[in-house]
Amino acid sequence: LNPSASVSDWVVNTVSTLGSGWCPPGLISVGIGGSAEKAMLLAKEAMNEPIDMAELIARGASSAEEGLRIELYERINALGIGAQGLGGLTTVV
């Protein structure tokens, strides 16, 4: 990913090319910064954080991180990949 590129655009484009290959619905976790190893560790840490997306959307983002979470959640679900790639509203939870 180039430093000037959009993280959210990259994630959405990557998910759209995967289609049903990752057996959605699933969880998306992104680690940004440092080496590839550090980014993977950050992504794994983020995967373990409990997040209530309905509550987060209702109250709105209070940080750039929460804004990215909401944006990715909405944009990926808008792809319409759905459960097992058969179409639907829920691609990520």
PDB file of N, CA and C in Angstrom:
ATOM      1  N   LEU A   1       0.853  -1.173   0.000  1.00  0.00           N
ATOM      2  CA  LEU A   1       0.000   0.000   0.000  1.00  0.00           C
ATOM      3  C   LEU A   1       0.896   1.232   0.000  1.00  0.00           C
ATOM      4  N   ASN A   2       0.685   2.089  -0.952  1.00  0.00           N
ATOM      5  CA  ASN A   2       1.456   3.329  -1.017  1.00  0.00           C
ATOM      6  C   ASN A   2       1.017   4.275   0.098  1.00  0.00           C
ATOM      7  N   PRO A   3       1.932   5.081   0.618  1.00  0.00           N
ATOM      8  CA  PRO A   3       1.578   5.999   1.702  1.00  0.00           C
ATOM      9  C   PRO A   3       0.444   6.960   1.350  1.00  0.00           C
ATOM     10  N   SER A   4       0.292   7.297   0.078  1.00  0.00           N
ATOM     11  CA  SER A   4      -0.758   8.232  -0.314  1.00  0.00           C
ATOM     12  C   SER A   4      -2.082   7.532  -0.622  1.00  0.00           C
ATOM     13  N   ALA A   5      -2.100   6.212  -0.605  1.00  0.00           N
ATOM     14  CA  ALA A   5      -3.308   5.459  -0.949  1.00  0.00           C
ATOM     15  C   ALA A   5      -4.295   5.433   0.218  1.00  0.00           C
ATOM     16  N   SER A   6      -5.545   5.224  -0.102  1.00  0.00           N
ATOM     17  CA  SER A   6      -6.604   5.144   0.899  1.00  0.00           C
ATOM     18  C   SER A   6      -6.673   3.732   1.474  1.00  0.00           C
ATOM     19  N   VAL A   7      -6.563   3.632   2.783  1.00  0.00           N
ATOM     20  CA  VAL A   7      -6.641   2.332   3.446  1.00  0.00           C
ATOM     21  C   VAL A   7      -8.021   1.715   3.216  1.00  0.00           C
ATOM     22  N   SER A   8      -9.063   2.511   3.386  1.00  0.00           N
ATOM     23  CA  SER A   8     -10.414   1.963   3.238  1.00  0.00           C
ATOM     24  C   SER A   8     -10.675   1.495   1.810  1.00  0.00           C
ATOM     25  N   ASP A   9     -10.211   2.250   0.810  1.00  0.00           N
ATOM     26  CA  ASP A   9     -10.384   1.818  -0.583  1.00  0.00           C
ATOM     27  C   ASP A   9      -9.666   0.499  -0.823  1.00  0.00           C
ATOM     28  N   TRP A  10      -8.450   0.355  -0.294  1.00  0.00           N
ATOM     29  CA  TRP A  10      -7.679  -0.869  -0.478  1.00  0.00           C
ATOM     30  C   TRP A  10      -8.384  -2.065   0.156  1.00  0.00           C
ATOM     31  N   VAL A  11      -8.883  -1.895   1.383  1.00  0.00           N
ATOM     32  CA  VAL A  11      -9.559  -2.997   2.069  1.00  0.00           C
ATOM     33  C   VAL A  11     -10.822  -3.398   1.310  1.00  0.00           C
ATOM     34  N   VAL A  12     -11.632  -2.426   0.912  1.00  0.00           N
ATOM     35  CA  VAL A  12     -12.878  -2.726   0.196  1.00  0.00           C
ATOM     36  C   VAL A  12     -12.583  -3.406  -1.137  1.00  0.00           C
ATOM     37  N   ASN A  13     -11.590  -2.913  -1.873  1.00  0.00           N
ATOM     38  CA  ASN A  13     -11.231  -3.541  -3.146  1.00  0.00           C
ATOM     39  C   ASN A  13     -10.737  -4.967  -2.938  1.00  0.00           C
ATOM     40  N   THR A  14      -9.958  -5.194  -1.889  1.00  0.00           N
ATOM     41  CA  THR A  14      -9.452  -6.536  -1.601  1.00  0.00           C
ATOM     42  C   THR A  14     -10.589  -7.485  -1.251  1.00  0.00           C
ATOM     43  N   VAL A  15     -11.506  -7.056  -0.401  1.00  0.00           N
ATOM     44  CA  VAL A  15     -12.642  -7.899  -0.019  1.00  0.00           C
ATOM     45  C   VAL A  15     -13.510  -8.207  -1.236  1.00  0.00           C
ATOM     46  N   SER A  16     -13.712  -7.217  -2.097  1.00  0.00           N
ATOM     47  CA  SER A  16     -14.560  -7.457  -3.273  1.00  0.00           C
ATOM     48  C   SER A  16     -13.946  -8.479  -4.219  1.00  0.00           C
ATOM     49  N   THR A  17     -12.621  -8.542  -4.295  1.00  0.00           N
ATOM     50  CA  THR A  17     -11.982  -9.531  -5.166  1.00  0.00           C
ATOM     51  C   THR A  17     -11.993 -10.926  -4.548  1.00  0.00           C
ATOM     52  N   LEU A  18     -12.123 -11.022  -3.225  1.00  0.00           N
ATOM     53  CA  LEU A  18     -12.174 -12.326  -2.562  1.00  0.00           C
ATOM     54  C   LEU A  18     -13.509 -13.028  -2.782  1.00  0.00           C
ATOM     55  N   GLY A  19     -14.568 -12.243  -2.954  1.00  0.00           N
ATOM     56  CA  GLY A  19     -15.888 -12.831  -3.138  1.00  0.00           C
ATOM     57  C   GLY A  19     -16.241 -13.752  -1.989  1.00  0.00           C
ATOM     58  N   SER A  20     -16.608 -14.992  -2.309  1.00  0.00           N
ATOM     59  CA  SER A  20     -16.986 -15.954  -1.273  1.00  0.00           C
ATOM     60  C   SER A  20     -15.803 -16.802  -0.818  1.00  0.00           C
ATOM     61  N   GLY A  21     -14.606 -16.526  -1.326  1.00  0.00           N
ATOM     62  CA  GLY A  21     -13.428 -17.332  -1.017  1.00  0.00           C
ATOM     63  C   GLY A  21     -13.043 -17.366   0.448  1.00  0.00           C
ATOM     64  N   TRP A  22     -13.478 -16.416   1.223  1.00  0.00           N
ATOM     65  CA  TRP A  22     -13.156 -16.398   2.654  1.00  0.00           C
ATOM     66  C   TRP A  22     -14.367 -16.790   3.504  1.00  0.00           C
ATOM     67  N   CYS A  23     -15.432 -17.270   2.858  1.00  0.00           N
ATOM     68  CA  CYS A  23     -16.645 -17.783   3.501  1.00  0.00           C
ATOM     69  C   CYS A  23     -17.270 -16.760   4.457  1.00  0.00           C
ATOM     70  N   PRO A  24     -17.709 -15.610   3.916  1.00  0.00           N
ATOM     71  CA  PRO A  24     -18.343 -14.603   4.754  1.00  0.00           C
ATOM     72  C   PRO A  24     -19.667 -15.111   5.330  1.00  0.00           C
ATOM     73  N   PRO A  25     -20.224 -14.488   6.365  1.00  0.00           N
ATOM     74  CA  PRO A  25     -19.751 -13.265   6.994  1.00  0.00           C
ATOM     75  C   PRO A  25     -18.547 -13.525   7.889  1.00  0.00           C
ATOM     76  N   GLY A  26     -17.763 -12.489   8.063  1.00  0.00           N
ATOM     77  CA  GLY A  26     -16.547 -12.632   8.843  1.00  0.00           C
ATOM     78  C   GLY A  26     -16.173 -11.354   9.550  1.00  0.00           C
ATOM     79  N   LEU A  27     -14.978 -11.366  10.072  1.00  0.00           N
ATOM     80  CA  LEU A  27     -14.413 -10.220  10.774  1.00  0.00           C
ATOM     81  C   LEU A  27     -13.276  -9.660   9.941  1.00  0.00           C
ATOM     82  N   ILE A  28     -13.163  -8.353   9.908  1.00  0.00           N
ATOM     83  CA  ILE A  28     -12.069  -7.682   9.213  1.00  0.00           C
ATOM     84  C   ILE A  28     -11.255  -6.945  10.264  1.00  0.00           C
ATOM     85  N   SER A  29      -9.959  -7.115  10.215  1.00  0.00           N
ATOM     86  CA  SER A  29      -9.066  -6.435  11.140  1.00  0.00           C
ATOM     87  C   SER A  29      -7.898  -5.878  10.345  1.00  0.00           C
ATOM     88  N   VAL A  30      -7.533  -4.641  10.611  1.00  0.00           N
ATOM     89  CA  VAL A  30      -6.479  -3.967   9.860  1.00  0.00           C
ATOM     90  C   VAL A  30      -5.414  -3.478  10.832  1.00  0.00           C
ATOM     91  N   GLY A  31      -4.167  -3.768  10.522  1.00  0.00           N
ATOM     92  CA  GLY A  31      -3.036  -3.251  11.284  1.00  0.00           C
ATOM     93  C   GLY A  31      -2.238  -2.317  10.394  1.00  0.00           C
ATOM     94  N   ILE A  32      -1.959  -1.120  10.860  1.00  0.00           N
ATOM     95  CA  ILE A  32      -1.270  -0.113  10.054  1.00  0.00           C
ATOM     96  C   ILE A  32      -0.020   0.338  10.789  1.00  0.00           C
ATOM     97  N   GLY A  33       1.116   0.289  10.106  1.00  0.00           N
ATOM     98  CA  GLY A  33       2.336   0.851  10.655  1.00  0.00           C
ATOM     99  C   GLY A  33       3.445  -0.158  10.839  1.00  0.00           C
ATOM    100  N   GLY A  34       4.663   0.341  10.774  1.00  0.00           N
ATOM    101  CA  GLY A  34       5.832  -0.493  10.999  1.00  0.00           C
ATOM    102  C   GLY A  34       6.065  -1.488   9.888  1.00  0.00           C
ATOM    103  N   SER A  35       6.683  -2.591  10.241  1.00  0.00           N
ATOM    104  CA  SER A  35       6.974  -3.653   9.276  1.00  0.00           C
ATOM    105  C   SER A  35       5.712  -4.482   9.020  1.00  0.00           C
ATOM    106  N   ALA A  36       5.809  -5.397   8.070  1.00  0.00           N
ATOM    107  CA  ALA A  36       4.682  -6.299   7.808  1.00  0.00           C
ATOM    108  C   ALA A  36       4.365  -7.124   9.050  1.00  0.00           C
ATOM    109  N   GLU A  37       5.400  -7.536   9.771  1.00  0.00           N
ATOM    110  CA  GLU A  37       5.196  -8.308  10.994  1.00  0.00           C
ATOM    111  C   GLU A  37       4.460  -7.481  12.051  1.00  0.00           C
ATOM    112  N   LYS A  38       4.861  -6.226  12.224  1.00  0.00           N
ATOM    113  CA  LYS A  38       4.218  -5.349  13.202  1.00  0.00           C
ATOM    114  C   LYS A  38       2.759  -5.092  12.819  1.00  0.00           C
ATOM    115  N   ALA A  39       2.504  -4.882  11.533  1.00  0.00           N
ATOM    116  CA  ALA A  39       1.134  -4.654  11.075  1.00  0.00           C
ATOM    117  C   ALA A  39       0.261  -5.877  11.357  1.00  0.00           C
ATOM    118  N   MET A  40       0.810  -7.069  11.153  1.00  0.00           N
ATOM    119  CA  MET A  40       0.056  -8.295  11.428  1.00  0.00           C
ATOM    120  C   MET A  40      -0.240  -8.424  12.916  1.00  0.00           C
ATOM    121  N   LEU A  41       0.719  -8.092  13.764  1.00  0.00           N
ATOM    122  CA  LEU A  41       0.489  -8.144  15.209  1.00  0.00           C
ATOM    123  C   LEU A  41      -0.581  -7.142  15.629  1.00  0.00           C
ATOM    124  N   LEU A  42      -0.558  -5.946  15.043  1.00  0.00           N
ATOM    125  CA  LEU A  42      -1.580  -4.943  15.343  1.00  0.00           C
ATOM    126  C   LEU A  42      -2.961  -5.425  14.912  1.00  0.00           C
ATOM    127  N   ALA A  43      -3.033  -6.061  13.743  1.00  0.00           N
ATOM    128  CA  ALA A  43      -4.310  -6.588  13.258  1.00  0.00           C
ATOM    129  C   ALA A  43      -4.835  -7.682  14.183  1.00  0.00           C
ATOM    130  N   LYS A  44      -3.941  -8.544  14.661  1.00  0.00           N
ATOM    131  CA  LYS A  44      -4.358  -9.607  15.581  1.00  0.00           C
ATOM    132  C   LYS A  44      -4.850  -9.023  16.902  1.00  0.00           C
ATOM    133  N   GLU A  45      -4.189  -7.989  17.389  1.00  0.00           N
ATOM    134  CA  GLU A  45      -4.632  -7.330  18.622  1.00  0.00           C
ATOM    135  C   GLU A  45      -6.011  -6.712  18.430  1.00  0.00           C
ATOM    136  N   ALA A  46      -6.207  -6.054  17.289  1.00  0.00           N
ATOM    137  CA  ALA A  46      -7.493  -5.420  17.015  1.00  0.00           C
ATOM    138  C   ALA A  46      -8.611  -6.452  16.911  1.00  0.00           C
ATOM    139  N   MET A  47      -8.289  -7.640  16.430  1.00  0.00           N
ATOM    140  CA  MET A  47      -9.288  -8.701  16.289  1.00  0.00           C
ATOM    141  C   MET A  47      -9.837  -9.135  17.645  1.00  0.00           C
ATOM    142  N   ASN A  48      -9.060  -8.962  18.699  1.00  0.00           N
ATOM    143  CA  ASN A  48      -9.473  -9.391  20.031  1.00  0.00           C
ATOM    144  C   ASN A  48     -10.228  -8.326  20.816  1.00  0.00           C
ATOM    145  N   GLU A  49     -10.355  -7.119  20.263  1.00  0.00           N
ATOM    146  CA  GLU A  49     -11.089  -6.059  20.947  1.00  0.00           C
ATOM    147  C   GLU A  49     -12.589  -6.273  20.770  1.00  0.00           C
ATOM    148  N   PRO A  50     -13.358  -6.282  21.863  1.00  0.00           N
ATOM    149  CA  PRO A  50     -14.813  -6.399  21.704  1.00  0.00           C
ATOM    150  C   PRO A  50     -15.391  -5.091  21.161  1.00  0.00           C
ATOM    151  N   ILE A  51     -16.159  -5.197  20.085  1.00  0.00           N
ATOM    152  CA  ILE A  51     -16.745  -4.012  19.462  1.00  0.00           C
ATOM    153  C   ILE A  51     -18.218  -4.285  19.192  1.00  0.00           C
ATOM    154  N   ASP A  52     -19.075  -3.398  19.650  1.00  0.00           N
ATOM    155  CA  ASP A  52     -20.502  -3.465  19.355  1.00  0.00           C
ATOM    156  C   ASP A  52     -20.763  -2.460  18.234  1.00  0.00           C
ATOM    157  N   MET A  53     -20.825  -2.952  16.995  1.00  0.00           N
ATOM    158  CA  MET A  53     -20.957  -2.054  15.847  1.00  0.00           C
ATOM    159  C   MET A  53     -22.262  -1.269  15.881  1.00  0.00           C
ATOM    160  N   ALA A  54     -23.350  -1.874  16.323  1.00  0.00           N
ATOM    161  CA  ALA A  54     -24.622  -1.154  16.391  1.00  0.00           C
ATOM    162  C   ALA A  54     -24.512   0.033  17.344  1.00  0.00           C
ATOM    163  N   GLU A  55     -23.878  -0.185  18.483  1.00  0.00           N
ATOM    164  CA  GLU A  55     -23.699   0.899  19.459  1.00  0.00           C
ATOM    165  C   GLU A  55     -22.748   1.957  18.922  1.00  0.00           C
ATOM    166  N   LEU A  56     -21.682   1.530  18.259  1.00  0.00           N
ATOM    167  CA  LEU A  56     -20.705   2.465  17.702  1.00  0.00           C
ATOM    168  C   LEU A  56     -21.343   3.346  16.634  1.00  0.00           C
ATOM    169  N   ILE A  57     -22.129   2.758  15.764  1.00  0.00           N
ATOM    170  CA  ILE A  57     -22.800   3.529  14.715  1.00  0.00           C
ATOM    171  C   ILE A  57     -23.812   4.485  15.327  1.00  0.00           C
ATOM    172  N   ALA A  58     -24.549   4.037  16.346  1.00  0.00           N
ATOM    173  CA  ALA A  58     -25.565   4.877  16.983  1.00  0.00           C
ATOM    174  C   ALA A  58     -24.963   6.111  17.640  1.00  0.00           C
ATOM    175  N   ARG A  59     -23.823   5.959  18.293  1.00  0.00           N
ATOM    176  CA  ARG A  59     -23.225   7.109  18.982  1.00  0.00           C
ATOM    177  C   ARG A  59     -22.294   7.907  18.093  1.00  0.00           C
ATOM    178  N   GLY A  60     -21.812   7.311  17.012  1.00  0.00           N
ATOM    179  CA  GLY A  60     -20.903   8.005  16.098  1.00  0.00           C
ATOM    180  C   GLY A  60     -19.455   7.839  16.511  1.00  0.00           C
ATOM    181  N   ALA A  61     -18.590   8.069  15.562  1.00  0.00           N
ATOM    182  CA  ALA A  61     -17.151   7.899  15.784  1.00  0.00           C
ATOM    183  C   ALA A  61     -16.600   9.034  16.632  1.00  0.00           C
ATOM    184  N   SER A  62     -15.768   8.679  17.599  1.00  0.00           N
ATOM    185  CA  SER A  62     -15.112   9.697  18.419  1.00  0.00           C
ATOM    186  C   SER A  62     -13.613   9.759  18.130  1.00  0.00           C
ATOM    187  N   SER A  63     -13.149   8.944  17.183  1.00  0.00           N
ATOM    188  CA  SER A  63     -11.739   8.960  16.800  1.00  0.00           C
ATOM    189  C   SER A  63     -11.631   8.534  15.339  1.00  0.00           C
ATOM    190  N   ALA A  64     -10.456   8.744  14.768  1.00  0.00           N
ATOM    191  CA  ALA A  64     -10.223   8.334  13.380  1.00  0.00           C
ATOM    192  C   ALA A  64     -10.327   6.819  13.243  1.00  0.00           C
ATOM    193  N   GLU A  65      -9.870   6.094  14.250  1.00  0.00           N
ATOM    194  CA  GLU A  65      -9.950   4.630  14.240  1.00  0.00           C
ATOM    195  C   GLU A  65     -11.404   4.157  14.188  1.00  0.00           C
ATOM    196  N   GLU A  66     -12.251   4.752  15.010  1.00  0.00           N
ATOM    197  CA  GLU A  66     -13.664   4.383  15.005  1.00  0.00           C
ATOM    198  C   GLU A  66     -14.325   4.791  13.695  1.00  0.00           C
ATOM    199  N   GLY A  67     -13.914   5.923  13.139  1.00  0.00           N
ATOM    200  CA  GLY A  67     -14.439   6.351  11.845  1.00  0.00           C
ATOM    201  C   GLY A  67     -14.109   5.355  10.750  1.00  0.00           C
ATOM    202  N   LEU A  68     -12.879   4.846  10.763  1.00  0.00           N
ATOM    203  CA  LEU A  68     -12.467   3.838   9.786  1.00  0.00           C
ATOM    204  C   LEU A  68     -13.260   2.550   9.988  1.00  0.00           C
ATOM    205  N   ARG A  69     -13.491   2.163  11.234  1.00  0.00           N
ATOM    206  CA  ARG A  69     -14.287   0.957  11.508  1.00  0.00           C
ATOM    207  C   ARG A  69     -15.685   1.080  10.916  1.00  0.00           C
ATOM    208  N   ILE A  70     -16.337   2.206  11.159  1.00  0.00           N
ATOM    209  CA  ILE A  70     -17.694   2.414  10.649  1.00  0.00           C
ATOM    210  C   ILE A  70     -17.690   2.442   9.124  1.00  0.00           C
ATOM    211  N   GLU A  71     -16.744   3.169   8.534  1.00  0.00           N
ATOM    212  CA  GLU A  71     -16.670   3.262   7.073  1.00  0.00           C
ATOM    213  C   GLU A  71     -16.481   1.889   6.439  1.00  0.00           C
ATOM    214  N   LEU A  72     -15.544   1.097   6.954  1.00  0.00           N
ATOM    215  CA  LEU A  72     -15.300  -0.232   6.395  1.00  0.00           C
ATOM    216  C   LEU A  72     -16.516  -1.136   6.577  1.00  0.00           C
ATOM    217  N   TYR A  73     -17.123  -1.104   7.734  1.00  0.00           N
ATOM    218  CA  TYR A  73     -18.313  -1.919   8.005  1.00  0.00           C
ATOM    219  C   TYR A  73     -19.414  -1.610   6.992  1.00  0.00           C
ATOM    220  N   GLU A  74     -19.690  -0.335   6.794  1.00  0.00           N
ATOM    221  CA  GLU A  74     -20.765   0.064   5.888  1.00  0.00           C
ATOM    222  C   GLU A  74     -20.423  -0.219   4.430  1.00  0.00           C
ATOM    223  N   ARG A  75     -19.198   0.097   4.022  1.00  0.00           N
ATOM    224  CA  ARG A  75     -18.816  -0.098   2.619  1.00  0.00           C
ATOM    225  C   ARG A  75     -18.710  -1.571   2.243  1.00  0.00           C
ATOM    226  N   ILE A  76     -18.171  -2.399   3.136  1.00  0.00           N
ATOM    227  CA  ILE A  76     -18.045  -3.827   2.824  1.00  0.00           C
ATOM    228  C   ILE A  76     -19.420  -4.487   2.796  1.00  0.00           C
ATOM    229  N   ASN A  77     -20.287  -4.155   3.739  1.00  0.00           N
ATOM    230  CA  ASN A  77     -21.633  -4.726   3.711  1.00  0.00           C
ATOM    231  C   ASN A  77     -22.422  -4.240   2.499  1.00  0.00           C
ATOM    232  N   ALA A  78     -22.128  -3.044   2.016  1.00  0.00           N
ATOM    233  CA  ALA A  78     -22.804  -2.516   0.823  1.00  0.00           C
ATOM    234  C   ALA A  78     -22.408  -3.268  -0.446  1.00  0.00           C
ATOM    235  N   LEU A  79     -21.321  -4.032  -0.401  1.00  0.00           N
ATOM    236  CA  LEU A  79     -20.920  -4.821  -1.569  1.00  0.00           C
ATOM    237  C   LEU A  79     -21.953  -5.897  -1.895  1.00  0.00           C
ATOM    238  N   GLY A  80     -22.714  -6.326  -0.902  1.00  0.00           N
ATOM    239  CA  GLY A  80     -23.758  -7.319  -1.125  1.00  0.00           C
ATOM    240  C   GLY A  80     -23.262  -8.739  -1.302  1.00  0.00           C
ATOM    241  N   ILE A  81     -22.052  -9.035  -0.835  1.00  0.00           N
ATOM    242  CA  ILE A  81     -21.509 -10.391  -0.961  1.00  0.00           C
ATOM    243  C   ILE A  81     -22.344 -11.365  -0.129  1.00  0.00           C
ATOM    244  N   GLY A  82     -22.653 -10.994   1.097  1.00  0.00           N
ATOM    245  CA  GLY A  82     -23.524 -11.788   1.954  1.00  0.00           C
ATOM    246  C   GLY A  82     -22.914 -13.084   2.448  1.00  0.00           C
ATOM    247  N   ALA A  83     -23.727 -13.814   3.202  1.00  0.00           N
ATOM    248  CA  ALA A  83     -23.287 -15.079   3.792  1.00  0.00           C
ATOM    249  C   ALA A  83     -22.944 -16.088   2.703  1.00  0.00           C
ATOM    250  N   GLN A  84     -21.797 -16.708   2.835  1.00  0.00           N
ATOM    251  CA  GLN A  84     -21.260 -17.704   1.907  1.00  0.00           C
ATOM    252  C   GLN A  84     -21.174 -17.187   0.471  1.00  0.00           C
ATOM    253  N   GLY A  85     -21.188 -15.868   0.313  1.00  0.00           N
ATOM    254  CA  GLY A  85     -21.079 -15.280  -1.015  1.00  0.00           C
ATOM    255  C   GLY A  85     -22.337 -15.400  -1.850  1.00  0.00           C
ATOM    256  N   LEU A  86     -23.471 -15.701  -1.208  1.00  0.00           N
ATOM    257  CA  LEU A  86     -24.725 -15.897  -1.932  1.00  0.00           C
ATOM    258  C   LEU A  86     -25.545 -14.623  -2.059  1.00  0.00           C
ATOM    259  N   GLY A  87     -24.989 -13.511  -1.620  1.00  0.00           N
ATOM    260  CA  GLY A  87     -25.700 -12.241  -1.669  1.00  0.00           C
ATOM    261  C   GLY A  87     -26.412 -11.975  -0.359  1.00  0.00           C
ATOM    262  N   GLY A  88     -26.532 -10.717  -0.031  1.00  0.00           N
ATOM    263  CA  GLY A  88     -27.214 -10.344   1.200  1.00  0.00           C
ATOM    264  C   GLY A  88     -26.610  -9.108   1.816  1.00  0.00           C
ATOM    265  N   LEU A  89     -27.140  -8.734   2.950  1.00  0.00           N
ATOM    266  CA  LEU A  89     -26.753  -7.490   3.600  1.00  0.00           C
ATOM    267  C   LEU A  89     -25.566  -7.626   4.537  1.00  0.00           C
ATOM    268  N   THR A  90     -25.272  -8.824   5.015  1.00  0.00           N
ATOM    269  CA  THR A  90     -24.227  -8.993   6.018  1.00  0.00           C
ATOM    270  C   THR A  90     -23.035  -9.736   5.438  1.00  0.00           C
ATOM    271  N   THR A  91     -21.965  -8.988   5.203  1.00  0.00           N
ATOM    272  CA  THR A  91     -20.711  -9.576   4.741  1.00  0.00           C
ATOM    273  C   THR A  91     -19.698  -9.582   5.876  1.00  0.00           C
ATOM    274  N   VAL A  92     -19.699  -8.514   6.674  1.00  0.00           N
ATOM    275  CA  VAL A  92     -18.869  -8.452   7.881  1.00  0.00           C
ATOM    276  C   VAL A  92     -19.777  -8.162   9.067  1.00  0.00           C
ATOM    277  N   VAL A  93     -19.345  -8.655  10.234  1.00  0.00           N
ATOM    278  CA  VAL A  93     -20.148  -8.454  11.446  1.00  0.00           C
ATOM    279  C   VAL A  93     -19.406  -7.582  12.426  1.00  0.00           C
TER     280      VAL A  93
END
